[in-house]
Each structure stands twice: as structure tokens, then as C-alpha cells.
Amino acid sequence: MLVQQLGYLVALAREEHFGRAAGACHVTQPTLSAGIRRLEKELGVLIVRRQRRYEGLTPEGERILDWAQRVVADHDALLDEVRAMRHGLSGRLRIGAIPTSLSCVSLLTTPFCARHPEVTATVTSLNSRQIERGLHDFELDVGLTYLDSEPLAGVRTLRLYRERYLILTRAERPLAKQTAVRWADAASEPLCLLTGDMQNRRIVDSIFRQAGVDAPRPTLETNSISTLYAHVRDGGWSSVVAEPWLRLFAVPDGLRALPLVEPDAERSIGLVALDRDPLPLLARALLDLAPSIDVQAAVEGLT
């Protein structure tokens, strides 16, 4: 059994298409198909359900995929370690970040890339469930996500900052004259919010309920925070936004951002990495660097 054959299986499960998987592995489709058939013959089980096209994995194939992902990840981590011994840290650091954290991720990647110029950092916007799946499927090295709301299983964590919440509204709206807005009062506003598959939205809904009101039904939903800002600016909506996003957008002209109170709610956000030993080199390097960066101070210094 070759690690290469296991890599073919991992790529096929990810791409769900023989041609795309072959392209990802930089081999021809017949080479990839033959490698998987050799794997099936060696293990004595059918791994892939196929007719004229890929139809998924057999139950045995799903179990083998779990092992294949671990073996391939460990093999890649070993190669990274050896390269680092000879030439210093290099490779690709794969970061999955929830959308509300994207305005802060540069506080980590900028000093990391300065310290390790041969490493390419890739940041992908994902929801918390996608980050969890990406870590366990070895498609991500680290995630930047909520730590105390729907916590991820089987991960190491490093808390970086607290996320507080504001209502973003047009300056001419009556509540814009206040210094702070109660969650219960915000519920009666025409709201645009993130979609329900985003953990931030589930958090916001839970805080409304904590304030003693039903979670409001927004008249517009999106998975894009910049789209929320645009609709508040150009329409009659208000929105609940995470305070750290003021790092990126500030408060546009004609709008006001006011603290939401009663309750004074916040959630912790930090780095997560799969709890394995040894921890892969690139993930370890970021987790070693992160405690020296005061992300909380950067967030608080901009509001």
C-alpha cells in the first residue's frame, strides 16, 4: 500500500469526480483509477461505488477514508518537519475563519508571514461547522471561531478576544439618538441579519431570547457581512453586527453603531487546531506566535 494511493482516495472523496481528483493529484484519470483499484485489491474490499461515474464510497470505503486522511495528513506533516530541519519553515498554512473574525485575522497572519516568509497563508471564510469538518478531514490546519458557543470537539483552543455586539442603523432613525440600545428594543426594528447557518446568527437569536423577546424575523438575510452594511446604508434596515468589524468598515457616513445592552452579551473567539500529537508544524508555529499578539487590545482600540 502506497501513501500515494491513499492520497488518490482522499482527493476522490473531496472532489467527488474522477477527473477533478486526478487533476488535483497531478496524474491522469486512468492512473488515479488504477491506484484506487490496487488499493481495493490489496485490502480485499470494495471502496468506491462506481458505474459510469463516481457514485460515492461504500460503508467500508468511508471507514478506510478516515484512516487515509490521517495517514496522508501525518505523511505531509512529516515532510514539513524534514523540510523545516533542512531549510526552515515553508509550505502552506490553511486557516478557516468565521466571517465575523475576518477583520481580525490579519493581526495574526501579518506577523506570522513576516516571521516565516517561505510559508503561504491561505485564509478561507467558513462557518463554524465547516471549520470543524475541515479540521477533522485534515483540509485545514487551524480555525478561527467561537470557543464558548457550540464548542468544537477534539480540538486545542487558544482564546484571542471577546466579540461584543452593536446595532448598526441610519442616523435619522429614532433609536440612533440613544447612547445604547436594549436588545428588546432592537427586536422591533426592521432587521437584516446573517443567515441561520451562520453561528453568529444563532448567537444573536439566543441573546434576543435571553432579553425576553422572540428572535425577530428579519426581512432580509445574507451570509455576507458587507451586504448587511450595504443594506443598512442604502435601505431602511438596521442590523446587529460584531464590534470587531468596525476595524474594517468603521461606521459609514450617515450611520450610527450603538452598543446593545440588557444583556451585555459577548462571546469568545480564538484559534482551534485538531488535538493531535505531534501537532503539525505550521499549526504549531501559529499557536506559538499568537499569545504574543494582543488581539483584544486591537479590537478595543478602534471603538
Protein backbone atom coordinates (compact mmCIF):
# COMPACT_ATOMS: atom_id res chain seq x y z
CA MET A 1 0.00 0.00 0.00
CA LEU A 2 1.37 3.40 -1.01
CA VAL A 3 0.61 6.75 0.61
CA GLN A 4 0.04 7.97 -2.93
CA GLN A 5 -2.88 5.57 -3.37
CA LEU A 6 -4.41 6.80 -0.12
CA GLY A 7 -3.97 10.34 -1.42
CA TYR A 8 -5.92 9.40 -4.54
CA LEU A 9 -8.79 8.20 -2.33
CA VAL A 10 -8.76 11.37 -0.23
CA ALA A 11 -8.83 13.53 -3.36
CA LEU A 12 -11.66 11.50 -4.91
CA ALA A 13 -13.79 11.79 -1.76
CA ARG A 14 -13.18 15.54 -1.68
CA GLU A 15 -13.77 16.24 -5.38
CA GLU A 16 -16.50 13.58 -5.94
CA HIS A 17 -15.32 13.30 -9.55
CA PHE A 18 -12.58 11.13 -11.03
CA GLY A 19 -11.34 13.76 -13.47
CA ARG A 20 -11.14 16.57 -10.91
CA ALA A 21 -9.49 14.27 -8.38
CA ALA A 22 -6.87 13.26 -10.94
CA GLY A 23 -6.21 16.92 -11.70
CA ALA A 24 -5.80 17.69 -8.00
CA CYS A 25 -3.26 14.86 -7.75
CA HIS A 26 -1.49 15.91 -10.98
CA VAL A 27 -1.98 12.49 -12.59
CA THR A 28 -4.14 11.15 -15.40
CA GLN A 29 -7.58 9.77 -14.63
CA PRO A 30 -6.58 6.20 -15.60
CA THR A 31 -3.62 6.43 -13.21
CA LEU A 32 -5.86 7.53 -10.33
CA SER A 33 -8.48 4.86 -11.09
CA ALA A 34 -5.83 2.15 -11.29
CA GLY A 35 -4.30 3.27 -7.99
CA ILE A 36 -7.64 3.04 -6.20
CA ARG A 37 -8.35 -0.37 -7.74
CA ARG A 38 -4.96 -1.60 -6.49
CA LEU A 39 -5.88 -0.32 -3.04
CA GLU A 40 -9.18 -2.20 -3.17
CA LYS A 41 -7.42 -5.39 -4.26
CA GLU A 42 -4.81 -5.13 -1.52
CA LEU A 43 -7.40 -4.50 1.21
CA GLY A 44 -9.87 -7.01 -0.20
CA VAL A 45 -12.90 -4.71 -0.07
CA LEU A 46 -14.81 -2.51 -2.48
CA ILE A 47 -14.08 1.12 -1.58
CA VAL A 48 -15.73 3.14 -4.35
CA ARG A 49 -19.26 2.79 -5.73
CA ARG A 50 -18.96 3.38 -9.44
CA GLN A 51 -20.91 2.78 -12.62
CA ARG A 52 -20.04 5.10 -15.46
CA ARG A 53 -19.21 7.82 -12.92
CA TYR A 54 -18.36 8.27 -9.27
CA GLU A 55 -21.34 7.45 -7.04
CA GLY A 56 -19.76 7.69 -3.59
CA LEU A 57 -17.96 5.42 -1.16
CA THR A 58 -19.11 2.11 0.22
CA PRO A 59 -19.53 1.83 4.02
CA GLU A 60 -16.13 0.11 4.09
CA GLY A 61 -14.76 2.90 1.94
CA GLU A 62 -15.95 5.54 4.42
CA ARG A 63 -14.04 3.82 7.24
CA ILE A 64 -10.94 3.46 5.07
CA LEU A 65 -11.22 7.15 4.12
CA ASP A 66 -10.97 8.12 7.81
CA TRP A 67 -7.67 6.25 8.09
CA ALA A 68 -6.45 7.50 4.71
CA GLN A 69 -6.99 11.13 5.74
CA ARG A 70 -4.96 10.59 8.91
CA VAL A 71 -2.14 8.78 7.12
CA VAL A 72 -1.90 11.40 4.38
CA ALA A 73 -2.00 14.24 6.91
CA ASP A 74 0.72 12.62 9.03
CA HIS A 75 2.82 11.97 5.91
CA ASP A 76 2.52 15.62 4.86
CA ALA A 77 3.34 16.78 8.41
CA LEU A 78 6.45 14.58 8.41
CA LEU A 79 7.62 16.10 5.13
CA ASP A 80 7.04 19.60 6.55
CA GLU A 81 9.16 18.73 9.60
CA VAL A 82 12.01 17.42 7.46
CA ARG A 83 11.93 20.45 5.14
CA ALA A 84 11.97 22.76 8.17
CA MET A 85 15.03 20.95 9.57
CA ARG A 86 16.89 21.50 6.32
CA HIS A 87 15.62 24.83 5.01
CA GLY A 88 13.38 26.49 7.63
CA LEU A 89 9.62 26.64 7.79
CA SER A 90 7.82 26.51 4.43
CA GLY A 91 4.62 25.23 2.89
CA ARG A 92 1.00 26.39 3.12
CA LEU A 93 -0.83 27.31 6.33
CA ARG A 94 -4.57 26.72 5.78
CA ILE A 95 -6.78 28.88 8.01
CA GLY A 96 -10.57 28.68 8.15
CA ALA A 97 -12.15 31.77 9.72
CA ILE A 98 -15.75 32.59 10.62
CA PRO A 99 -16.91 35.74 8.78
CA THR A 100 -17.08 37.93 11.90
CA SER A 101 -13.40 37.22 12.60
CA LEU A 102 -12.11 38.15 9.14
CA SER A 103 -11.44 41.74 10.17
CA CYS A 104 -9.00 40.46 12.82
CA VAL A 105 -7.26 37.60 11.05
CA SER A 106 -4.63 39.95 9.58
CA LEU A 107 -3.43 40.62 13.15
CA LEU A 108 -2.22 37.01 13.11
CA THR A 109 -1.19 36.45 9.52
CA THR A 110 0.84 39.66 9.12
CA PRO A 111 3.42 38.88 11.85
CA PHE A 112 3.31 35.17 11.01
CA CYS A 113 4.21 35.76 7.36
CA ALA A 114 6.90 38.26 8.38
CA ARG A 115 8.47 35.65 10.66
CA HIS A 116 8.10 32.81 8.14
CA PRO A 117 8.43 34.33 4.64
CA GLU A 118 8.59 30.94 2.90
CA VAL A 119 5.12 30.00 4.17
CA THR A 120 1.98 30.92 2.21
CA ALA A 121 -1.04 31.55 4.43
CA THR A 122 -4.43 30.80 2.90
CA VAL A 123 -7.48 32.27 4.67
CA THR A 124 -10.93 30.91 3.78
CA SER A 125 -14.21 32.30 5.08
CA LEU A 126 -16.22 29.39 6.54
CA ASN A 127 -18.95 28.87 9.08
CA SER A 128 -18.09 27.10 12.33
CA ARG A 129 -19.47 23.76 11.19
CA GLN A 130 -17.37 23.90 8.02
CA ILE A 131 -14.30 24.70 10.12
CA GLU A 132 -14.94 21.70 12.35
CA ARG A 133 -15.35 19.43 9.33
CA GLY A 134 -12.26 20.90 7.65
CA LEU A 135 -10.12 20.23 10.71
CA HIS A 136 -11.31 16.65 11.13
CA ASP A 137 -10.95 15.98 7.39
CA PHE A 138 -7.40 17.45 7.53
CA GLU A 139 -8.32 20.11 4.97
CA LEU A 140 -7.49 22.91 7.45
CA ASP A 141 -4.55 23.43 9.77
CA VAL A 142 -6.24 25.89 12.14
CA GLY A 143 -9.56 27.63 12.55
CA LEU A 144 -10.58 30.99 13.97
CA THR A 145 -14.02 30.56 15.51
CA TYR A 146 -16.24 30.78 18.58
CA LEU A 147 -14.94 28.92 21.63
CA ASP A 148 -17.84 29.11 24.11
CA SER A 149 -20.85 28.73 21.84
CA GLU A 150 -21.36 25.35 20.18
CA PRO A 151 -17.74 24.44 21.06
CA LEU A 152 -15.90 22.15 18.67
CA ALA A 153 -14.96 18.64 19.75
CA GLY A 154 -11.47 17.15 19.66
CA VAL A 155 -9.56 20.42 19.32
CA ARG A 156 -6.99 22.51 21.15
CA THR A 157 -8.06 26.10 21.74
CA LEU A 158 -6.38 29.46 22.29
CA ARG A 159 -8.64 32.37 23.24
CA LEU A 160 -7.82 35.65 21.45
CA TYR A 161 -10.60 38.18 22.05
CA ARG A 162 -14.21 38.78 23.05
CA GLU A 163 -16.84 39.64 20.47
CA ARG A 164 -19.44 42.23 21.54
CA TYR A 165 -22.49 43.34 19.58
CA LEU A 166 -23.75 46.62 18.20
CA ILE A 167 -26.82 47.74 16.31
CA LEU A 168 -25.96 49.47 13.04
CA THR A 169 -28.68 51.86 11.91
CA ARG A 170 -29.26 55.02 9.94
CA ALA A 171 -28.59 58.24 11.84
CA GLU A 172 -32.12 59.58 11.27
CA ARG A 173 -33.85 56.64 12.96
CA PRO A 174 -35.23 57.45 16.45
CA LEU A 175 -33.09 54.89 18.27
CA ALA A 176 -29.94 56.42 16.73
CA LYS A 177 -30.33 59.32 19.20
CA GLN A 178 -29.63 56.96 22.13
CA THR A 179 -26.22 56.10 23.59
CA ALA A 180 -27.11 52.40 23.83
CA VAL A 181 -30.00 50.21 22.69
CA ARG A 182 -31.70 47.41 24.58
CA TRP A 183 -31.90 44.09 22.77
CA ALA A 184 -35.65 44.05 23.38
CA ASP A 185 -35.99 47.41 21.59
CA ALA A 186 -33.77 46.31 18.72
CA ALA A 187 -36.14 43.39 18.10
CA SER A 188 -38.83 45.81 16.89
CA GLU A 189 -36.55 47.33 14.24
CA PRO A 190 -36.72 46.21 10.58
CA LEU A 191 -33.65 43.98 10.62
CA CYS A 192 -31.33 42.41 8.10
CA LEU A 193 -29.26 39.60 9.62
CA LEU A 194 -26.90 36.80 8.72
CA THR A 195 -28.45 33.52 7.59
CA GLY A 196 -29.37 30.76 10.03
CA ASP A 197 -26.46 28.52 9.01
CA MET A 198 -24.08 31.10 10.47
CA GLN A 199 -23.25 30.65 14.15
CA ASN A 200 -23.31 34.42 14.68
CA ARG A 201 -27.00 34.43 13.73
CA ARG A 202 -27.76 31.60 16.15
CA ILE A 203 -25.94 33.55 18.88
CA VAL A 204 -27.87 36.73 18.09
CA ASP A 205 -31.19 34.86 18.17
CA SER A 206 -30.28 33.32 21.54
CA ILE A 207 -29.44 36.74 23.02
CA PHE A 208 -32.78 38.15 21.88
CA ARG A 209 -34.49 35.28 23.69
CA GLN A 210 -32.29 35.92 26.74
CA ALA A 211 -33.60 39.51 26.65
CA GLY A 212 -37.14 38.15 26.98
CA VAL A 213 -38.32 38.59 23.38
CA ASP A 214 -38.77 36.21 20.49
CA ALA A 215 -35.95 36.09 17.97
CA PRO A 216 -37.09 38.57 15.31
CA ARG A 217 -37.83 37.53 11.75
CA PRO A 218 -35.54 39.59 9.51
CA THR A 219 -36.86 40.95 6.24
CA LEU A 220 -33.51 40.26 4.60
CA GLU A 221 -30.88 37.56 5.24
CA THR A 222 -27.40 37.11 3.77
CA ASN A 223 -24.19 35.21 4.53
CA SER A 224 -22.14 38.33 3.71
CA ILE A 225 -21.40 40.95 6.36
CA SER A 226 -20.54 43.56 3.72
CA THR A 227 -24.02 43.01 2.26
CA LEU A 228 -25.54 43.80 5.67
CA TYR A 229 -23.65 47.10 5.73
CA ALA A 230 -24.81 47.95 2.20
CA HIS A 231 -28.48 47.36 3.02
CA VAL A 232 -28.33 49.43 6.20
CA ARG A 233 -26.65 52.22 4.26
CA ASP A 234 -28.95 52.17 1.23
CA GLY A 235 -32.25 50.97 2.71
CA GLY A 236 -34.43 51.25 5.76
CA TRP A 237 -32.88 48.37 7.68
CA SER A 238 -30.91 48.09 10.87
CA SER A 239 -28.56 45.19 11.64
CA VAL A 240 -26.80 43.53 14.57
CA VAL A 241 -23.06 43.48 13.86
CA ALA A 242 -19.98 42.27 15.70
CA GLU A 243 -17.87 45.08 17.17
CA PRO A 244 -14.57 43.88 15.60
CA TRP A 245 -15.95 44.57 12.12
CA LEU A 246 -15.51 48.27 12.82
CA ARG A 247 -11.79 47.54 12.26
CA LEU A 248 -12.56 47.02 8.58
CA PHE A 249 -15.58 49.15 7.78
CA ALA A 250 -15.59 51.77 10.55
CA VAL A 251 -19.02 53.42 10.67
CA PRO A 252 -20.08 54.65 7.23
CA ASP A 253 -21.30 58.23 6.85
CA GLY A 254 -24.94 58.59 7.75
CA LEU A 255 -24.96 55.55 10.05
CA ARG A 256 -24.54 55.01 13.77
CA ALA A 257 -23.27 51.96 15.65
CA LEU A 258 -24.61 51.69 19.20
CA PRO A 259 -23.87 49.13 21.92
CA LEU A 260 -26.58 46.55 22.57
CA VAL A 261 -27.35 46.16 26.27
CA GLU A 262 -29.63 44.30 28.68
CA PRO A 263 -27.97 41.87 28.42
CA ASP A 264 -24.36 42.98 27.88
CA ALA A 265 -23.54 39.91 25.80
CA GLU A 266 -20.19 38.76 24.46
CA ARG A 267 -18.63 35.59 23.08
CA SER A 268 -15.02 34.37 23.00
CA ILE A 269 -13.24 33.85 19.70
CA GLY A 270 -9.93 32.09 19.29
CA LEU A 271 -7.76 29.65 17.42
CA VAL A 272 -8.59 25.95 17.23
CA ALA A 273 -6.44 23.11 15.94
CA LEU A 274 -7.04 19.39 15.88
CA ASP A 275 -5.90 17.86 19.16
CA ARG A 276 -3.17 15.54 17.91
CA ASP A 277 0.37 14.83 18.95
CA PRO A 278 2.66 15.88 17.47
CA LEU A 279 0.80 18.95 16.28
CA PRO A 280 1.66 19.69 12.62
CA LEU A 281 4.48 22.18 12.30
CA LEU A 282 2.61 25.08 10.67
CA ALA A 283 -0.30 24.91 13.11
CA ARG A 284 2.17 24.75 15.98
CA ALA A 285 4.05 27.79 14.68
CA LEU A 286 0.89 29.91 14.58
CA LEU A 287 -0.26 28.76 18.02
CA ASP A 288 3.20 29.56 19.41
CA LEU A 289 3.10 33.08 17.93
CA ALA A 290 -0.50 34.01 18.74
CA PRO A 291 -0.12 34.57 22.53
CA SER A 292 2.29 37.42 21.85
CA ILE A 293 -0.39 39.33 19.87
CA ASP A 294 -2.93 41.34 21.88
CA VAL A 295 -5.92 41.00 19.58
CA GLN A 296 -8.29 42.20 22.32
CA ALA A 297 -6.42 45.50 22.63
CA ALA A 298 -6.54 45.98 18.85
CA VAL A 299 -10.30 45.43 18.82
CA GLU A 300 -10.95 47.74 21.79
CA GLY A 301 -8.66 50.45 20.45
CA LEU A 302 -10.81 51.03 17.41
CA THR A 303 -14.16 51.73 19.05
